[in-house]
Protein backbone atom coordinates (compact mmCIF):
# COMPACT_ATOMS: atom_id res chain seq x y z
CA MET A 1 138.86 176.42 100.69
CA SER A 2 136.95 177.31 97.24
CA GLY A 3 133.82 177.84 96.54
CA LYS A 4 134.32 175.07 94.11
CA GLU A 5 132.44 171.86 94.45
CA PRO A 6 135.02 168.45 94.24
CA LEU A 7 134.53 166.36 90.88
CA PRO A 8 133.08 163.87 90.91
CA PRO A 9 135.45 160.66 90.68
CA TYR A 10 134.09 159.81 87.53
CA PHE A 11 136.05 162.48 86.43
CA SER A 12 139.14 160.67 86.91
CA ILE A 13 138.51 157.80 84.82
CA ASP A 14 141.47 156.98 82.11
CA PRO A 15 139.25 155.22 79.42
CA ALA A 16 142.82 153.88 77.53
CA ARG A 17 143.19 152.17 81.44
CA ALA A 18 139.32 151.14 81.94
CA ALA A 19 139.40 149.73 78.93
CA LYS A 20 142.40 147.50 79.30
CA ARG A 21 141.17 146.35 82.02
CA LEU A 22 137.15 145.01 80.61
CA SER A 23 136.82 141.85 79.36
CA GLU A 24 136.62 140.24 75.99
CA PRO A 25 133.54 140.08 74.87
CA ILE A 26 130.03 139.07 75.28
CA GLY A 27 130.02 135.96 71.79
CA THR A 28 127.67 133.33 71.01
CA ALA A 29 129.55 130.84 72.08
CA ARG A 30 128.56 131.83 75.62
CA PHE A 31 125.31 132.71 74.82
CA ALA A 32 125.19 129.31 73.35
CA LYS A 33 126.97 127.28 76.24
CA ALA A 34 124.03 129.56 78.87
CA ALA A 35 121.71 127.98 76.01
CA ALA A 36 122.36 124.40 77.12
CA PHE A 37 122.10 124.57 80.57
CA ALA A 38 118.66 126.03 80.22
CA ALA A 39 117.60 123.18 78.68
CA ARG A 40 118.91 121.07 80.70
CA GLY A 41 117.88 122.83 83.67
CA ARG A 42 114.06 122.74 81.71
CA GLN A 43 115.17 118.32 81.04
CA ASP A 44 115.10 117.85 84.95
CA LEU A 45 112.23 119.68 85.54
CA ALA A 46 110.27 118.27 82.30
CA GLU A 47 111.52 114.39 83.72
CA ARG A 48 110.26 115.41 87.20
CA GLY A 49 106.41 115.90 86.05
CA TYR A 50 106.51 119.97 85.23
CA ALA A 51 105.56 120.96 81.97
CA PRO A 52 106.57 123.84 80.70
CA ASP A 53 103.65 125.60 81.28
CA GLY A 54 104.59 125.09 85.44
CA ARG A 55 101.64 123.15 85.54
CA LYS A 56 102.55 119.62 86.62
CA ARG A 57 102.12 116.28 85.60
CA LEU A 58 101.18 112.08 85.94
CA ARG A 59 104.28 110.87 88.01
CA ARG A 60 104.79 107.28 85.28
CA PHE A 61 104.98 104.40 86.54
CA SER A 62 106.81 101.96 86.83
CA THR A 63 107.13 98.27 85.84
CA TRP A 64 106.36 96.68 89.91
CA GLU A 65 103.64 99.65 90.57
CA ILE A 66 101.84 98.29 86.96
CA CYS A 67 101.96 93.92 87.89
CA ARG A 68 101.17 95.28 91.51
CA TYR A 69 98.51 97.44 91.52
CA LEU A 70 97.58 97.74 87.55
CA ILE A 71 97.44 94.86 85.45
CA PRO A 72 96.90 91.50 87.00
CA VAL A 73 100.79 89.67 85.99
CA ALA A 74 103.04 88.21 86.89
CA THR A 75 106.78 90.89 86.28
CA ALA A 76 108.42 88.29 84.61
CA HIS A 77 106.22 87.27 81.82
CA PHE A 78 105.05 91.76 81.88
CA ARG A 79 108.48 92.18 80.72
CA ARG A 80 107.91 88.80 78.29
CA VAL A 81 104.73 89.98 76.71
CA LEU A 82 106.70 93.36 76.44
CA ARG A 83 110.20 91.76 74.26
CA LYS A 84 107.39 89.74 71.91
CA ASN A 85 105.27 92.80 70.34
CA PRO A 86 108.10 95.33 69.99
CA ASP A 87 104.74 97.54 69.20
CA LEU A 88 103.42 98.06 73.17
CA PRO A 89 105.07 100.94 74.41
CA GLN A 90 108.18 99.78 75.64
CA GLY A 91 108.25 102.07 78.68
CA VAL A 92 111.50 105.07 79.73
CA GLY A 93 114.51 103.60 81.07
CA GLU A 94 117.92 101.01 80.89
CA GLY A 95 116.95 97.46 81.49
CA ASN A 96 114.27 96.08 84.06
CA SER A 97 114.00 99.50 84.60
CA LYS A 98 111.30 100.70 82.80
CA TRP A 99 108.78 103.37 83.61
CA PHE A 100 105.51 103.58 81.70
CA THR A 101 102.95 106.36 81.28
CA LEU A 102 99.03 106.29 81.99
CA ASP A 103 98.88 106.26 78.16
CA ASP A 104 100.91 103.31 77.99
CA VAL A 105 99.40 101.88 80.93
CA LEU A 106 96.02 101.65 79.30
CA ARG A 107 96.84 100.36 76.08
CA LEU A 108 98.91 97.77 77.71
CA ARG A 109 95.62 96.81 79.09
CA ASP A 110 94.02 96.85 76.46
CA HIS A 111 96.98 94.25 74.49
CA PHE A 112 96.20 92.12 77.53
CA ALA A 113 92.47 91.53 77.92
CA GLU A 114 92.07 90.80 73.79
CA GLU A 115 95.99 88.74 74.34
CA GLY A 116 95.38 87.63 77.36
CA ALA A 117 94.20 85.19 80.10
CA ALA A 118 90.33 84.67 79.63
CA ASP A 119 89.47 84.43 83.02
CA ARG A 120 91.46 87.13 84.41
CA GLU A 121 90.00 91.11 84.66
CA TYR A 122 92.65 93.63 83.17
CA ARG A 123 89.98 96.84 82.67
CA PRO A 124 87.72 97.60 85.65
CA TRP A 125 84.21 96.41 84.72
CA ARG A 126 82.42 99.56 83.85
CA PRO A 127 78.79 99.86 82.99
CA GLU A 128 79.03 101.04 78.55
CA GLY A 129 79.68 104.84 79.00
CA LEU A 130 79.95 105.85 82.09
CA PRO A 131 82.88 107.60 83.54
CA ALA A 132 85.64 106.43 86.33
CA LYS A 133 84.31 107.10 89.84
CA ILE A 134 86.56 107.54 92.85
CA LEU A 135 87.02 106.93 96.62
CA ALA A 136 88.99 108.57 98.36
CA SER A 137 88.71 107.20 102.22
CA ARG A 138 90.95 108.67 105.09
CA THR A 139 92.19 107.24 108.59
CA SER A 140 91.45 109.21 111.25
CA ARG A 141 95.08 108.91 113.04
CA ALA A 142 98.29 107.90 110.63
CA ALA A 143 98.86 105.35 113.08
CA SER A 144 96.13 103.11 111.65
CA ALA A 145 96.33 102.40 108.45
CA ARG A 146 100.12 101.31 109.15
CA ARG A 147 98.86 98.79 111.10
CA ARG A 148 95.82 97.71 109.31
CA PRO A 149 94.52 96.19 106.85
CA PRO A 150 92.67 98.47 104.04
CA PRO A 151 88.51 96.94 105.10
CA ILE A 152 86.30 95.85 101.69
CA TRP A 153 83.97 97.72 101.68
CA PRO A 154 80.16 97.25 100.12
CA CYS A 155 79.89 98.80 97.10
CA PRO A 156 78.53 98.84 93.94
CA ARG A 157 79.87 96.93 90.74
CA HIS A 158 81.33 100.19 89.19
CA TRP A 159 83.39 101.83 91.52
CA THR A 160 86.60 100.90 90.05
CA ALA A 161 88.85 102.12 93.14
CA THR A 162 88.13 99.58 95.34
CA ARG A 163 88.33 96.27 96.71
CA CYS A 164 84.46 94.71 96.27
CA TRP A 165 85.04 91.50 93.48
CA SER A 166 89.06 91.75 93.44
CA SER A 167 91.49 89.98 95.84
CA THR A 168 93.87 93.34 94.17
CA TRP A 169 93.24 97.40 93.43
CA THR A 170 91.65 98.51 90.63
CA ALA A 171 93.20 101.96 89.48
CA LYS A 172 91.20 104.44 88.50
CA ALA A 173 91.13 104.55 83.84
CA ALA A 174 89.22 107.10 82.74
């Protein structure tokens, strides 16, 4: 055995042979493709309610949810009004499947309050200048919520998330 240490493995690499084994250089087209993939992923997250800053935003409401819980009109009438008034928010989606933001819903509520039937409450009543009150309720067991309708609470008229004076639930409008 000689007193010398063996040479490291990279000393026996032929540079010309190693250069032939390399792939083509990465150009701007490949970076553009990666950027397109990232943009699609970011768009998917935005559609699910996540903003670029990572905070979750309020989801959109479907036409059915709006007509059932937020604005007391029939779905067919709601669609007719949207067709006749192109300046109103038209929602996002194809065909009859439309989704609206809370701001869109509030604008639609204002339109129905001005143009709709006089005997309907399109906006929840609240004293002038006061913010909406939020009411939260909880059941002790999960099964009890499925078997019984929610109770009708005696409450002041400025609460907006109750069934005190209306046959349908009204949502909080900030």
